[in-house]
Amino acid sequence: MNIQENISLKTHNTFGIDVKARYFVEITGLVQLQKVLELKAYPKKFIISGGSNMLLTKDIDALVMHINLKGISIVEENENEVEIKVMAGENWHDLVTWSLDKGYGGLENLSLIPGNTGTAPIQNIGAYGVELKDVFVSCAAMEIKTGELVGFDNEACKFGYRDSVFKNEAKGQYIITSVHLKLTKKDHVLHTGYGAIEAELKKNGIVYPTIKDVSNAVIAIRQSKLPNPAVLGNSGSFFKNPVISKKAFEKFIKKNPEAPHYEVDDEAFKIPAGWLIEQCGYKGKRFGDAGVHEKQALVLVNYGSATGEDILRLAQLVQKEVAQKFNIKIQPEVNIIK
């Protein structure tokens, strides 16, 4: 077991924040994971995976466990569907690409989402009208306290909008080790009505799209708006799109009739946080090396040497301005480590 000391986490978080781990270990197997959890010499432990949904604001005075469990396998299949098991350390977009190459449908709208598969259930990741819960069967998670593997089915995960049991009552208690997903082998149900997918397909002269066509459209849209973390440090969408009550929405839309919005149900409406931020004048604004992306106001970026504190201060400023202007609270989608 190779436990290293004073290791930079700059390459382990997509913001590219240069903080240090007091101790660091790479986890590549379940037995190893159990043994590391049992180590009494390192009472404080911190879990990191793809580092795509976190903002590190300080050095981590703990044993940082990098979950790097690999493997994709078919659990069962019939002529219409296939259930797959994906280990937690598999890169999410690599999984999407693998599924498309196999002709499996269900993940195409979730193309190019940063991060690893093990953290996908925590966030109930979603994009362009599709969420993880739509294809999710179950996940296995190791209880940190006991080292025992526990199963969570779709219902037990209590999925919500960018939310799950792992962000609430089970927060900090489990490490997800693998995820089971059910995908289609034929008669794929395509979701092209959300965002600019249909316009992108039309632009390319595609009338009868395949799952790969939808994925390519999503990739093109995301690349046109979202910066590549390998080039410009970011964590994708920093804020959740706020959901407000019907009463609050009626007041809001009366003052802002041009605002884009989506009806969640009879009593709630979703307002794009990026639009709210842009109306406050923050799109493209830069404060030293911390900034709001010039093409997508929902994305906060590190232009080079911003600290986690710099990014956090900017996020708090944006939240304050949106609340003052619209009386709407926007909450971070990103996990902020203080």
C-alpha atoms as a PDB file:
ATOM      1  CA  MET A   1       0.000   0.000   0.000  1.00  0.00           C
ATOM      2  CA  ASN A   2       1.683   3.177  -1.215  1.00  0.00           C
ATOM      3  CA  ILE A   3       0.685   6.096   1.016  1.00  0.00           C
ATOM      4  CA  GLN A   4       2.349   9.317  -0.121  1.00  0.00           C
ATOM      5  CA  GLU A   5       2.804  12.580   1.774  1.00  0.00           C
ATOM      6  CA  ASN A   6       2.200  16.230   0.825  1.00  0.00           C
ATOM      7  CA  ILE A   7       0.807  15.557  -2.639  1.00  0.00           C
ATOM      8  CA  SER A   8      -0.621  18.348  -4.808  1.00  0.00           C
ATOM      9  CA  LEU A   9      -4.256  17.801  -5.800  1.00  0.00           C
ATOM     10  CA  LYS A  10      -4.053  20.213  -8.738  1.00  0.00           C
ATOM     11  CA  THR A  11      -4.439  17.407 -11.285  1.00  0.00           C
ATOM     12  CA  HIS A  12      -7.173  15.734  -9.215  1.00  0.00           C
ATOM     13  CA  ASN A  13      -9.727  18.558  -9.422  1.00  0.00           C
ATOM     14  CA  THR A  14     -11.077  20.097 -12.622  1.00  0.00           C
ATOM     15  CA  PHE A  15     -10.814  23.637 -11.246  1.00  0.00           C
ATOM     16  CA  GLY A  16      -7.043  23.078 -11.151  1.00  0.00           C
ATOM     17  CA  ILE A  17      -6.812  24.421  -7.593  1.00  0.00           C
ATOM     18  CA  ASP A  18      -3.340  23.790  -6.173  1.00  0.00           C
ATOM     19  CA  VAL A  19      -3.952  22.504  -2.655  1.00  0.00           C
ATOM     20  CA  LYS A  20      -2.069  19.694  -0.940  1.00  0.00           C
ATOM     21  CA  ALA A  21      -3.133  16.403   0.576  1.00  0.00           C
ATOM     22  CA  ARG A  22      -1.326  15.630   3.847  1.00  0.00           C
ATOM     23  CA  TYR A  23      -1.475  11.952   2.828  1.00  0.00           C
ATOM     24  CA  PHE A  24      -2.587  10.381  -0.453  1.00  0.00           C
ATOM     25  CA  VAL A  25      -3.385   6.852  -1.622  1.00  0.00           C
ATOM     26  CA  GLU A  26      -4.691   5.461  -4.910  1.00  0.00           C
ATOM     27  CA  ILE A  27      -7.533   2.937  -4.470  1.00  0.00           C
ATOM     28  CA  THR A  28      -7.704   0.299  -7.221  1.00  0.00           C
ATOM     29  CA  GLY A  29      -9.506  -2.614  -5.518  1.00  0.00           C
ATOM     30  CA  LEU A  30     -12.309  -3.318  -3.048  1.00  0.00           C
ATOM     31  CA  VAL A  31     -10.139  -5.261  -0.585  1.00  0.00           C
ATOM     32  CA  GLN A  32      -7.609  -2.433  -0.617  1.00  0.00           C
ATOM     33  CA  LEU A  33     -10.425   0.049   0.013  1.00  0.00           C
ATOM     34  CA  GLN A  34     -11.583  -1.934   3.058  1.00  0.00           C
ATOM     35  CA  LYS A  35      -8.020  -2.117   4.420  1.00  0.00           C
ATOM     36  CA  VAL A  36      -7.443   1.629   3.988  1.00  0.00           C
ATOM     37  CA  LEU A  37     -10.721   2.408   5.771  1.00  0.00           C
ATOM     38  CA  GLU A  38      -9.517   0.245   8.685  1.00  0.00           C
ATOM     39  CA  LEU A  39      -6.234   2.151   9.079  1.00  0.00           C
ATOM     40  CA  LYS A  40      -6.252   3.617  12.582  1.00  0.00           C
ATOM     41  CA  ALA A  41      -3.061   5.613  11.923  1.00  0.00           C
ATOM     42  CA  TYR A  42      -5.050   7.899   9.612  1.00  0.00           C
ATOM     43  CA  PRO A  43      -8.270   8.721  11.489  1.00  0.00           C
ATOM     44  CA  LYS A  44      -9.229  11.512   9.093  1.00  0.00           C
ATOM     45  CA  LYS A  45     -10.004  10.386   5.556  1.00  0.00           C
ATOM     46  CA  PHE A  46     -11.168  12.323   2.494  1.00  0.00           C
ATOM     47  CA  ILE A  47     -12.634  10.783  -0.667  1.00  0.00           C
ATOM     48  CA  ILE A  48     -11.872  12.077  -4.154  1.00  0.00           C
ATOM     49  CA  SER A  49     -12.783  10.635  -7.546  1.00  0.00           C
ATOM     50  CA  GLY A  50     -12.786  12.623 -10.792  1.00  0.00           C
ATOM     51  CA  GLY A  51     -12.698  15.901  -8.882  1.00  0.00           C
ATOM     52  CA  SER A  52     -15.222  17.423 -11.268  1.00  0.00           C
ATOM     53  CA  ASN A  53     -17.829  18.536  -8.783  1.00  0.00           C
ATOM     54  CA  MET A  54     -15.812  20.085  -6.000  1.00  0.00           C
ATOM     55  CA  LEU A  55     -14.168  23.345  -5.064  1.00  0.00           C
ATOM     56  CA  LEU A  56     -11.181  22.890  -2.776  1.00  0.00           C
ATOM     57  CA  THR A  57     -10.554  25.999  -0.686  1.00  0.00           C
ATOM     58  CA  LYS A  58      -7.736  24.726   1.552  1.00  0.00           C
ATOM     59  CA  ASP A  59      -5.149  21.973   2.013  1.00  0.00           C
ATOM     60  CA  ILE A  60      -6.652  18.628   3.050  1.00  0.00           C
ATOM     61  CA  ASP A  61      -5.238  17.570   6.423  1.00  0.00           C
ATOM     62  CA  ALA A  62      -6.290  13.948   6.023  1.00  0.00           C
ATOM     63  CA  LEU A  63      -5.604  10.763   4.082  1.00  0.00           C
ATOM     64  CA  VAL A  64      -6.984  11.539   0.623  1.00  0.00           C
ATOM     65  CA  MET A  65      -8.315   8.354  -0.980  1.00  0.00           C
ATOM     66  CA  HIS A  66      -8.453   8.576  -4.770  1.00  0.00           C
ATOM     67  CA  ILE A  67     -11.146   6.096  -5.914  1.00  0.00           C
ATOM     68  CA  ASN A  68      -9.784   4.580  -9.127  1.00  0.00           C
ATOM     69  CA  LEU A  69     -11.773   1.338  -9.432  1.00  0.00           C
ATOM     70  CA  LYS A  70     -11.983   0.263 -13.098  1.00  0.00           C
ATOM     71  CA  GLY A  71     -14.090  -2.048 -15.225  1.00  0.00           C
ATOM     72  CA  ILE A  72     -17.281  -2.312 -17.274  1.00  0.00           C
ATOM     73  CA  SER A  73     -19.169  -5.597 -17.557  1.00  0.00           C
ATOM     74  CA  ILE A  74     -22.531  -6.904 -18.776  1.00  0.00           C
ATOM     75  CA  VAL A  75     -24.684  -8.260 -15.940  1.00  0.00           C
ATOM     76  CA  GLU A  76     -27.583  -9.542 -18.043  1.00  0.00           C
ATOM     77  CA  GLU A  77     -29.230  -8.829 -21.356  1.00  0.00           C
ATOM     78  CA  ASN A  78     -32.090  -9.799 -23.575  1.00  0.00           C
ATOM     79  CA  GLU A  79     -32.989  -8.863 -27.094  1.00  0.00           C
ATOM     80  CA  ASN A  80     -34.229  -5.388 -26.068  1.00  0.00           C
ATOM     81  CA  GLU A  81     -32.172  -4.276 -23.059  1.00  0.00           C
ATOM     82  CA  VAL A  82     -28.822  -4.690 -21.377  1.00  0.00           C
ATOM     83  CA  GLU A  83     -27.845  -4.167 -17.757  1.00  0.00           C
ATOM     84  CA  ILE A  84     -24.246  -3.122 -17.183  1.00  0.00           C
ATOM     85  CA  LYS A  85     -22.046  -2.824 -14.115  1.00  0.00           C
ATOM     86  CA  VAL A  86     -19.633   0.115 -14.156  1.00  0.00           C
ATOM     87  CA  MET A  87     -16.903   0.548 -11.559  1.00  0.00           C
ATOM     88  CA  ALA A  88     -16.733   3.904  -9.814  1.00  0.00           C
ATOM     89  CA  GLY A  89     -13.416   5.073 -11.277  1.00  0.00           C
ATOM     90  CA  GLU A  90     -14.542   4.842 -14.914  1.00  0.00           C
ATOM     91  CA  ASN A  91     -14.636   8.248 -16.623  1.00  0.00           C
ATOM     92  CA  TRP A  92     -18.263   9.132 -17.337  1.00  0.00           C
ATOM     93  CA  HIS A  93     -17.846  10.303 -20.931  1.00  0.00           C
ATOM     94  CA  ASP A  94     -15.672   7.280 -21.725  1.00  0.00           C
ATOM     95  CA  LEU A  95     -18.586   5.152 -20.510  1.00  0.00           C
ATOM     96  CA  VAL A  96     -21.004   7.061 -22.769  1.00  0.00           C
ATOM     97  CA  THR A  97     -18.670   6.514 -25.736  1.00  0.00           C
ATOM     98  CA  TRP A  98     -18.351   2.795 -24.875  1.00  0.00           C
ATOM     99  CA  SER A  99     -22.165   2.428 -24.736  1.00  0.00           C
ATOM    100  CA  LEU A 100     -22.654   4.186 -28.077  1.00  0.00           C
ATOM    101  CA  ASP A 101     -20.001   2.025 -29.736  1.00  0.00           C
ATOM    102  CA  LYS A 102     -21.946  -1.017 -28.524  1.00  0.00           C
ATOM    103  CA  GLY A 103     -25.200   0.434 -29.887  1.00  0.00           C
ATOM    104  CA  TYR A 104     -26.692   0.859 -26.396  1.00  0.00           C
ATOM    105  CA  GLY A 105     -29.075   3.792 -25.906  1.00  0.00           C
ATOM    106  CA  GLY A 106     -29.915   5.884 -22.864  1.00  0.00           C
ATOM    107  CA  LEU A 107     -26.742   7.848 -22.128  1.00  0.00           C
ATOM    108  CA  GLU A 108     -26.459   9.926 -25.321  1.00  0.00           C
ATOM    109  CA  ASN A 109     -27.927  13.107 -23.793  1.00  0.00           C
ATOM    110  CA  LEU A 110     -25.434  12.816 -20.934  1.00  0.00           C
ATOM    111  CA  SER A 111     -22.413  13.065 -23.235  1.00  0.00           C
ATOM    112  CA  LEU A 112     -19.390  15.112 -22.167  1.00  0.00           C
ATOM    113  CA  ILE A 113     -20.442  15.528 -18.532  1.00  0.00           C
ATOM    114  CA  PRO A 114     -17.175  15.706 -16.579  1.00  0.00           C
ATOM    115  CA  GLY A 115     -16.318  13.340 -13.739  1.00  0.00           C
ATOM    116  CA  ASN A 116     -16.359   9.658 -12.938  1.00  0.00           C
ATOM    117  CA  THR A 117     -19.226   7.179 -12.778  1.00  0.00           C
ATOM    118  CA  GLY A 118     -19.101   6.653  -9.016  1.00  0.00           C
ATOM    119  CA  THR A 119     -20.078  10.230  -8.288  1.00  0.00           C
ATOM    120  CA  ALA A 120     -22.896  10.326 -10.873  1.00  0.00           C
ATOM    121  CA  PRO A 121     -25.574   9.009  -8.448  1.00  0.00           C
ATOM    122  CA  ILE A 122     -24.616  11.538  -5.763  1.00  0.00           C
ATOM    123  CA  GLN A 123     -25.565  14.394  -8.076  1.00  0.00           C
ATOM    124  CA  ASN A 124     -28.160  12.514 -10.109  1.00  0.00           C
ATOM    125  CA  ILE A 125     -26.315  14.042 -13.065  1.00  0.00           C
ATOM    126  CA  GLY A 126     -28.487  15.277 -15.889  1.00  0.00           C
ATOM    127  CA  ALA A 127     -28.526  17.240 -19.130  1.00  0.00           C
ATOM    128  CA  TYR A 128     -30.880  18.004 -22.011  1.00  0.00           C
ATOM    129  CA  GLY A 129     -33.980  16.438 -20.490  1.00  0.00           C
ATOM    130  CA  VAL A 130     -32.368  13.220 -19.201  1.00  0.00           C
ATOM    131  CA  GLU A 131     -31.148  12.337 -15.706  1.00  0.00           C
ATOM    132  CA  LEU A 132     -29.122   9.417 -14.385  1.00  0.00           C
ATOM    133  CA  LYS A 133     -32.195   8.093 -12.542  1.00  0.00           C
ATOM    134  CA  ASP A 134     -33.814   7.384 -15.931  1.00  0.00           C
ATOM    135  CA  VAL A 135     -31.328   4.552 -16.607  1.00  0.00           C
ATOM    136  CA  PHE A 136     -30.225   3.757 -13.058  1.00  0.00           C
ATOM    137  CA  VAL A 137     -30.896   0.301 -11.576  1.00  0.00           C
ATOM    138  CA  SER A 138     -28.750   0.267  -8.433  1.00  0.00           C
ATOM    139  CA  CYS A 139     -25.331   0.995  -6.994  1.00  0.00           C
ATOM    140  CA  ALA A 140     -23.027  -0.713  -4.522  1.00  0.00           C
ATOM    141  CA  ALA A 141     -21.516   1.449  -1.803  1.00  0.00           C
ATOM    142  CA  MET A 142     -19.035   0.656   0.958  1.00  0.00           C
ATOM    143  CA  GLU A 143     -20.045   1.897   4.378  1.00  0.00           C
ATOM    144  CA  ILE A 144     -17.103   3.904   5.687  1.00  0.00           C
ATOM    145  CA  LYS A 145     -17.738   2.954   9.311  1.00  0.00           C
ATOM    146  CA  THR A 146     -17.912  -0.836   8.804  1.00  0.00           C
ATOM    147  CA  GLY A 147     -16.305  -1.551   5.421  1.00  0.00           C
ATOM    148  CA  GLU A 148     -19.438  -3.474   4.403  1.00  0.00           C
ATOM    149  CA  LEU A 149     -20.888  -3.300   0.886  1.00  0.00           C
ATOM    150  CA  VAL A 150     -24.480  -2.081   0.767  1.00  0.00           C
ATOM    151  CA  GLY A 151     -26.855  -1.963  -2.214  1.00  0.00           C
ATOM    152  CA  PHE A 152     -29.042   1.033  -3.087  1.00  0.00           C
ATOM    153  CA  ASP A 153     -31.783   0.639  -5.692  1.00  0.00           C
ATOM    154  CA  ASN A 154     -33.374   3.534  -7.574  1.00  0.00           C
ATOM    155  CA  GLU A 155     -35.955   4.175  -4.876  1.00  0.00           C
ATOM    156  CA  ALA A 156     -33.439   4.012  -2.011  1.00  0.00           C
ATOM    157  CA  CYS A 157     -31.297   6.669  -3.704  1.00  0.00           C
ATOM    158  CA  LYS A 158     -34.153   9.206  -3.329  1.00  0.00           C
ATOM    159  CA  PHE A 159     -33.166  10.991  -6.511  1.00  0.00           C
ATOM    160  CA  GLY A 160     -34.197  14.610  -7.012  1.00  0.00           C
ATOM    161  CA  TYR A 161     -32.970  17.494  -9.133  1.00  0.00           C
ATOM    162  CA  ARG A 162     -29.167  17.235  -8.742  1.00  0.00           C
ATOM    163  CA  ASP A 163     -29.879  15.508  -5.476  1.00  0.00           C
ATOM    164  CA  SER A 164     -29.873  12.094  -3.813  1.00  0.00           C
ATOM    165  CA  VAL A 165     -29.737  10.364  -0.454  1.00  0.00           C
ATOM    166  CA  PHE A 166     -25.931  10.652  -0.664  1.00  0.00           C
ATOM    167  CA  LYS A 167     -26.166  14.435  -0.390  1.00  0.00           C
ATOM    168  CA  ASN A 168     -28.571  14.265   2.525  1.00  0.00           C
ATOM    169  CA  GLU A 169     -29.116  11.628   5.218  1.00  0.00           C
ATOM    170  CA  ALA A 170     -26.365   9.320   3.898  1.00  0.00           C
ATOM    171  CA  LYS A 171     -23.851  12.119   3.262  1.00  0.00           C
ATOM    172  CA  GLY A 172     -20.301  11.146   4.197  1.00  0.00           C
ATOM    173  CA  GLN A 173     -21.295   7.618   5.197  1.00  0.00           C
ATOM    174  CA  TYR A 174     -20.634   5.651   1.988  1.00  0.00           C
ATOM    175  CA  ILE A 175     -18.209   5.327  -0.909  1.00  0.00           C
ATOM    176  CA  ILE A 176     -19.946   4.278  -4.125  1.00  0.00           C
ATOM    177  CA  THR A 177     -17.936   1.456  -5.681  1.00  0.00           C
ATOM    178  CA  SER A 178     -20.020   0.483  -8.726  1.00  0.00           C
ATOM    179  CA  VAL A 179     -23.185   1.447 -10.585  1.00  0.00           C
ATOM    180  CA  HIS A 180     -25.698  -0.720 -12.489  1.00  0.00           C
ATOM    181  CA  LEU A 181     -27.453   0.884 -15.469  1.00  0.00           C
ATOM    182  CA  LYS A 182     -30.137  -0.455 -17.828  1.00  0.00           C
ATOM    183  CA  LEU A 183     -29.753   0.610 -21.463  1.00  0.00           C
ATOM    184  CA  THR A 184     -31.707  -0.150 -24.628  1.00  0.00           C
ATOM    185  CA  LYS A 185     -30.394  -2.307 -27.485  1.00  0.00           C
ATOM    186  CA  LYS A 186     -33.067  -1.314 -30.002  1.00  0.00           C
ATOM    187  CA  ASP A 187     -36.165   0.898 -30.307  1.00  0.00           C
ATOM    188  CA  HIS A 188     -34.253   3.647 -28.541  1.00  0.00           C
ATOM    189  CA  VAL A 189     -36.335   6.495 -27.101  1.00  0.00           C
ATOM    190  CA  LEU A 190     -34.611   9.689 -28.258  1.00  0.00           C
ATOM    191  CA  HIS A 191     -34.907  12.904 -26.268  1.00  0.00           C
ATOM    192  CA  THR A 192     -34.315  15.710 -28.752  1.00  0.00           C
ATOM    193  CA  GLY A 193     -36.831  18.310 -27.617  1.00  0.00           C
ATOM    194  CA  TYR A 194     -34.719  19.930 -24.894  1.00  0.00           C
ATOM    195  CA  GLY A 195     -32.317  22.805 -25.471  1.00  0.00           C
ATOM    196  CA  ALA A 196     -30.819  23.198 -28.922  1.00  0.00           C
ATOM    197  CA  ILE A 197     -30.578  19.505 -29.885  1.00  0.00           C
ATOM    198  CA  GLU A 198     -33.212  19.679 -32.644  1.00  0.00           C
ATOM    199  CA  ALA A 199     -31.657  22.837 -34.075  1.00  0.00           C
ATOM    200  CA  GLU A 200     -28.215  21.207 -34.088  1.00  0.00           C
ATOM    201  CA  LEU A 201     -29.549  18.089 -35.836  1.00  0.00           C
ATOM    202  CA  LYS A 202     -31.370  20.234 -38.414  1.00  0.00           C
ATOM    203  CA  LYS A 203     -28.227  22.260 -39.037  1.00  0.00           C
ATOM    204  CA  ASN A 204     -26.453  19.018 -39.925  1.00  0.00           C
ATOM    205  CA  GLY A 205     -29.304  17.866 -42.172  1.00  0.00           C
ATOM    206  CA  ILE A 206     -30.244  14.962 -39.907  1.00  0.00           C
ATOM    207  CA  VAL A 207     -33.943  14.064 -40.094  1.00  0.00           C
ATOM    208  CA  TYR A 208     -33.877  10.574 -38.561  1.00  0.00           C
ATOM    209  CA  PRO A 209     -31.207  10.758 -35.838  1.00  0.00           C
ATOM    210  CA  THR A 210     -29.431   7.812 -34.280  1.00  0.00           C
ATOM    211  CA  ILE A 211     -28.238   7.730 -30.671  1.00  0.00           C
ATOM    212  CA  LYS A 212     -24.769   8.737 -31.935  1.00  0.00           C
ATOM    213  CA  ASP A 213     -26.289  11.689 -33.811  1.00  0.00           C
ATOM    214  CA  VAL A 214     -27.923  12.886 -30.584  1.00  0.00           C
ATOM    215  CA  SER A 215     -24.652  12.455 -28.683  1.00  0.00           C
ATOM    216  CA  ASN A 216     -22.731  14.389 -31.346  1.00  0.00           C
ATOM    217  CA  ALA A 217     -25.319  17.183 -31.185  1.00  0.00           C
ATOM    218  CA  VAL A 218     -25.017  17.371 -27.393  1.00  0.00           C
ATOM    219  CA  ILE A 219     -21.210  17.404 -27.623  1.00  0.00           C
ATOM    220  CA  ALA A 220     -21.277  20.207 -30.208  1.00  0.00           C
ATOM    221  CA  ILE A 221     -23.647  22.283 -28.063  1.00  0.00           C
ATOM    222  CA  ARG A 222     -21.622  21.743 -24.887  1.00  0.00           C
ATOM    223  CA  GLN A 223     -18.317  22.516 -26.603  1.00  0.00           C
ATOM    224  CA  SER A 224     -19.761  25.744 -28.023  1.00  0.00           C
ATOM    225  CA  LYS A 225     -20.742  26.954 -24.551  1.00  0.00           C
ATOM    226  CA  LEU A 226     -18.626  25.176 -21.965  1.00  0.00           C
ATOM    227  CA  PRO A 227     -14.851  25.390 -21.527  1.00  0.00           C
ATOM    228  CA  ASN A 228     -12.696  22.262 -21.517  1.00  0.00           C
ATOM    229  CA  PRO A 229     -11.385  21.793 -17.924  1.00  0.00           C
ATOM    230  CA  ALA A 230      -8.072  20.612 -19.370  1.00  0.00           C
ATOM    231  CA  VAL A 231      -7.658  24.057 -20.944  1.00  0.00           C
ATOM    232  CA  LEU A 232      -9.515  26.340 -18.527  1.00  0.00           C
ATOM    233  CA  GLY A 233     -10.147  25.219 -14.946  1.00  0.00           C
ATOM    234  CA  ASN A 234     -13.849  24.824 -14.167  1.00  0.00           C
ATOM    235  CA  SER A 235     -16.399  22.438 -12.717  1.00  0.00           C
ATOM    236  CA  GLY A 236     -19.123  22.754 -15.330  1.00  0.00           C
ATOM    237  CA  SER A 237     -22.324  24.302 -14.032  1.00  0.00           C
ATOM    238  CA  PHE A 238     -21.461  25.878 -10.690  1.00  0.00           C
ATOM    239  CA  PHE A 239     -25.049  26.656  -9.681  1.00  0.00           C
ATOM    240  CA  LYS A 240     -28.308  24.709  -9.784  1.00  0.00           C
ATOM    241  CA  ASN A 241     -31.175  26.168 -11.778  1.00  0.00           C
ATOM    242  CA  PRO A 242     -33.531  27.479  -9.076  1.00  0.00           C
ATOM    243  CA  VAL A 243     -37.037  26.044  -8.776  1.00  0.00           C
ATOM    244  CA  ILE A 244     -39.557  28.566  -7.439  1.00  0.00           C
ATOM    245  CA  SER A 245     -43.202  28.363  -6.415  1.00  0.00           C
ATOM    246  CA  LYS A 246     -46.011  29.288  -8.773  1.00  0.00           C
ATOM    247  CA  LYS A 247     -46.784  32.363  -6.670  1.00  0.00           C
ATOM    248  CA  ALA A 248     -43.161  33.541  -6.766  1.00  0.00           C
ATOM    249  CA  PHE A 249     -42.998  32.776 -10.493  1.00  0.00           C
ATOM    250  CA  GLU A 250     -46.049  34.907 -11.265  1.00  0.00           C
ATOM    251  CA  LYS A 251     -44.419  37.883  -9.536  1.00  0.00           C
ATOM    252  CA  PHE A 252     -41.101  37.198 -11.258  1.00  0.00           C
ATOM    253  CA  ILE A 253     -42.478  36.810 -14.798  1.00  0.00           C
ATOM    254  CA  LYS A 254     -44.590  39.944 -14.459  1.00  0.00           C
ATOM    255  CA  LYS A 255     -41.399  41.939 -13.878  1.00  0.00           C
ATOM    256  CA  ASN A 256     -39.310  39.856 -16.327  1.00  0.00           C
ATOM    257  CA  PRO A 257     -41.638  38.741 -19.160  1.00  0.00           C
ATOM    258  CA  GLU A 258     -38.679  37.872 -21.412  1.00  0.00           C
ATOM    259  CA  ALA A 259     -37.159  35.393 -18.928  1.00  0.00           C
ATOM    260  CA  PRO A 260     -36.786  31.786 -20.097  1.00  0.00           C
ATOM    261  CA  HIS A 261     -38.516  29.286 -17.807  1.00  0.00           C
ATOM    262  CA  TYR A 262     -39.680  25.690 -17.585  1.00  0.00           C
ATOM    263  CA  GLU A 263     -42.757  24.365 -15.819  1.00  0.00           C
ATOM    264  CA  VAL A 264     -41.766  21.637 -13.366  1.00  0.00           C
ATOM    265  CA  ASP A 265     -45.339  20.885 -12.326  1.00  0.00           C
ATOM    266  CA  ASP A 266     -48.549  22.770 -11.544  1.00  0.00           C
ATOM    267  CA  GLU A 267     -46.960  24.444  -8.531  1.00  0.00           C
ATOM    268  CA  ALA A 268     -43.314  25.043  -9.506  1.00  0.00           C
ATOM    269  CA  PHE A 269     -41.192  26.614 -12.224  1.00  0.00           C
ATOM    270  CA  LYS A 270     -37.491  26.360 -13.054  1.00  0.00           C
ATOM    271  CA  ILE A 271     -35.553  29.502 -14.041  1.00  0.00           C
ATOM    272  CA  PRO A 272     -32.133  29.134 -15.742  1.00  0.00           C
ATOM    273  CA  ALA A 273     -29.520  30.361 -13.260  1.00  0.00           C
ATOM    274  CA  GLY A 274     -27.243  31.352 -16.154  1.00  0.00           C
ATOM    275  CA  TRP A 275     -29.858  33.826 -17.383  1.00  0.00           C
ATOM    276  CA  LEU A 276     -30.232  35.356 -13.915  1.00  0.00           C
ATOM    277  CA  ILE A 277     -26.452  35.744 -13.558  1.00  0.00           C
ATOM    278  CA  GLU A 278     -26.131  37.229 -17.041  1.00  0.00           C
ATOM    279  CA  GLN A 279     -28.837  39.807 -16.260  1.00  0.00           C
ATOM    280  CA  CYS A 280     -26.760  40.889 -13.268  1.00  0.00           C
ATOM    281  CA  GLY A 281     -23.889  41.701 -15.645  1.00  0.00           C
ATOM    282  CA  TYR A 282     -21.492  38.950 -14.589  1.00  0.00           C
ATOM    283  CA  LYS A 283     -21.130  37.030 -17.841  1.00  0.00           C
ATOM    284  CA  GLY A 284     -17.473  37.298 -18.890  1.00  0.00           C
ATOM    285  CA  LYS A 285     -16.511  39.260 -15.761  1.00  0.00           C
ATOM    286  CA  ARG A 286     -13.103  38.559 -14.303  1.00  0.00           C
ATOM    287  CA  PHE A 287     -11.691  39.198 -10.825  1.00  0.00           C
ATOM    288  CA  GLY A 288      -7.993  38.417 -11.022  1.00  0.00           C
ATOM    289  CA  ASP A 289      -7.790  34.782 -12.133  1.00  0.00           C
ATOM    290  CA  ALA A 290     -11.326  33.961 -10.983  1.00  0.00           C
ATOM    291  CA  GLY A 291     -14.100  34.694 -13.457  1.00  0.00           C
ATOM    292  CA  VAL A 292     -17.479  33.954 -14.972  1.00  0.00           C
ATOM    293  CA  HIS A 293     -17.169  32.285 -18.359  1.00  0.00           C
ATOM    294  CA  GLU A 294     -17.712  34.520 -21.370  1.00  0.00           C
ATOM    295  CA  LYS A 295     -20.032  32.078 -23.158  1.00  0.00           C
ATOM    296  CA  GLN A 296     -21.950  30.551 -20.234  1.00  0.00           C
ATOM    297  CA  ALA A 297     -22.652  32.558 -17.069  1.00  0.00           C
ATOM    298  CA  LEU A 298     -23.436  29.374 -15.141  1.00  0.00           C
ATOM    299  CA  VAL A 299     -19.762  28.392 -15.267  1.00  0.00           C
ATOM    300  CA  LEU A 300     -17.134  29.866 -12.940  1.00  0.00           C
ATOM    301  CA  VAL A 301     -13.560  29.502 -14.176  1.00  0.00           C
ATOM    302  CA  ASN A 302      -9.967  29.549 -12.995  1.00  0.00           C
ATOM    303  CA  TYR A 303      -7.855  31.484 -15.496  1.00  0.00           C
ATOM    304  CA  GLY A 304      -4.645  30.116 -14.020  1.00  0.00           C
ATOM    305  CA  SER A 305      -3.722  30.744 -10.419  1.00  0.00           C
ATOM    306  CA  ALA A 306      -7.031  31.471  -8.684  1.00  0.00           C
ATOM    307  CA  THR A 307      -7.365  29.912  -5.251  1.00  0.00           C
ATOM    308  CA  GLY A 308     -10.437  28.077  -4.074  1.00  0.00           C
ATOM    309  CA  GLU A 309     -11.158  31.060  -1.818  1.00  0.00           C
ATOM    310  CA  ASP A 310     -11.063  33.368  -4.873  1.00  0.00           C
ATOM    311  CA  ILE A 311     -13.651  31.229  -6.679  1.00  0.00           C
ATOM    312  CA  LEU A 312     -15.806  30.980  -3.536  1.00  0.00           C
ATOM    313  CA  ARG A 313     -15.796  34.754  -3.010  1.00  0.00           C
ATOM    314  CA  LEU A 314     -16.917  35.233  -6.620  1.00  0.00           C
ATOM    315  CA  ALA A 315     -19.679  32.631  -6.186  1.00  0.00           C
ATOM    316  CA  GLN A 316     -20.941  34.368  -3.057  1.00  0.00           C
ATOM    317  CA  LEU A 317     -20.911  37.746  -4.822  1.00  0.00           C
ATOM    318  CA  VAL A 318     -22.953  36.315  -7.705  1.00  0.00           C
ATOM    319  CA  GLN A 319     -25.442  34.742  -5.273  1.00  0.00           C
ATOM    320  CA  LYS A 320     -25.850  38.057  -3.443  1.00  0.00           C
ATOM    321  CA  GLU A 321     -26.445  40.043  -6.653  1.00  0.00           C
ATOM    322  CA  VAL A 322     -29.031  37.557  -8.001  1.00  0.00           C
ATOM    323  CA  ALA A 323     -30.875  37.565  -4.664  1.00  0.00           C
ATOM    324  CA  GLN A 324     -30.948  41.353  -4.574  1.00  0.00           C
ATOM    325  CA  LYS A 325     -32.072  41.796  -8.177  1.00  0.00           C
ATOM    326  CA  PHE A 326     -34.600  38.953  -8.477  1.00  0.00           C
ATOM    327  CA  ASN A 327     -35.326  37.837  -4.903  1.00  0.00           C
ATOM    328  CA  ILE A 328     -34.261  34.335  -5.971  1.00  0.00           C
ATOM    329  CA  LYS A 329     -31.639  32.266  -4.160  1.00  0.00           C
ATOM    330  CA  ILE A 330     -29.301  30.243  -6.361  1.00  0.00           C
ATOM    331  CA  GLN A 331     -27.477  27.351  -4.711  1.00  0.00           C
ATOM    332  CA  PRO A 332     -24.137  25.800  -5.687  1.00  0.00           C
ATOM    333  CA  GLU A 333     -24.263  22.510  -7.542  1.00  0.00           C
ATOM    334  CA  VAL A 334     -20.587  22.103  -6.719  1.00  0.00           C
ATOM    335  CA  ASN A 335     -19.482  20.576  -3.397  1.00  0.00           C
ATOM    336  CA  ILE A 336     -17.511  23.293  -1.600  1.00  0.00           C
ATOM    337  CA  ILE A 337     -14.773  21.989   0.707  1.00  0.00           C
ATOM    338  CA  LYS A 338     -14.109  24.633   3.385  1.00  0.00           C
END
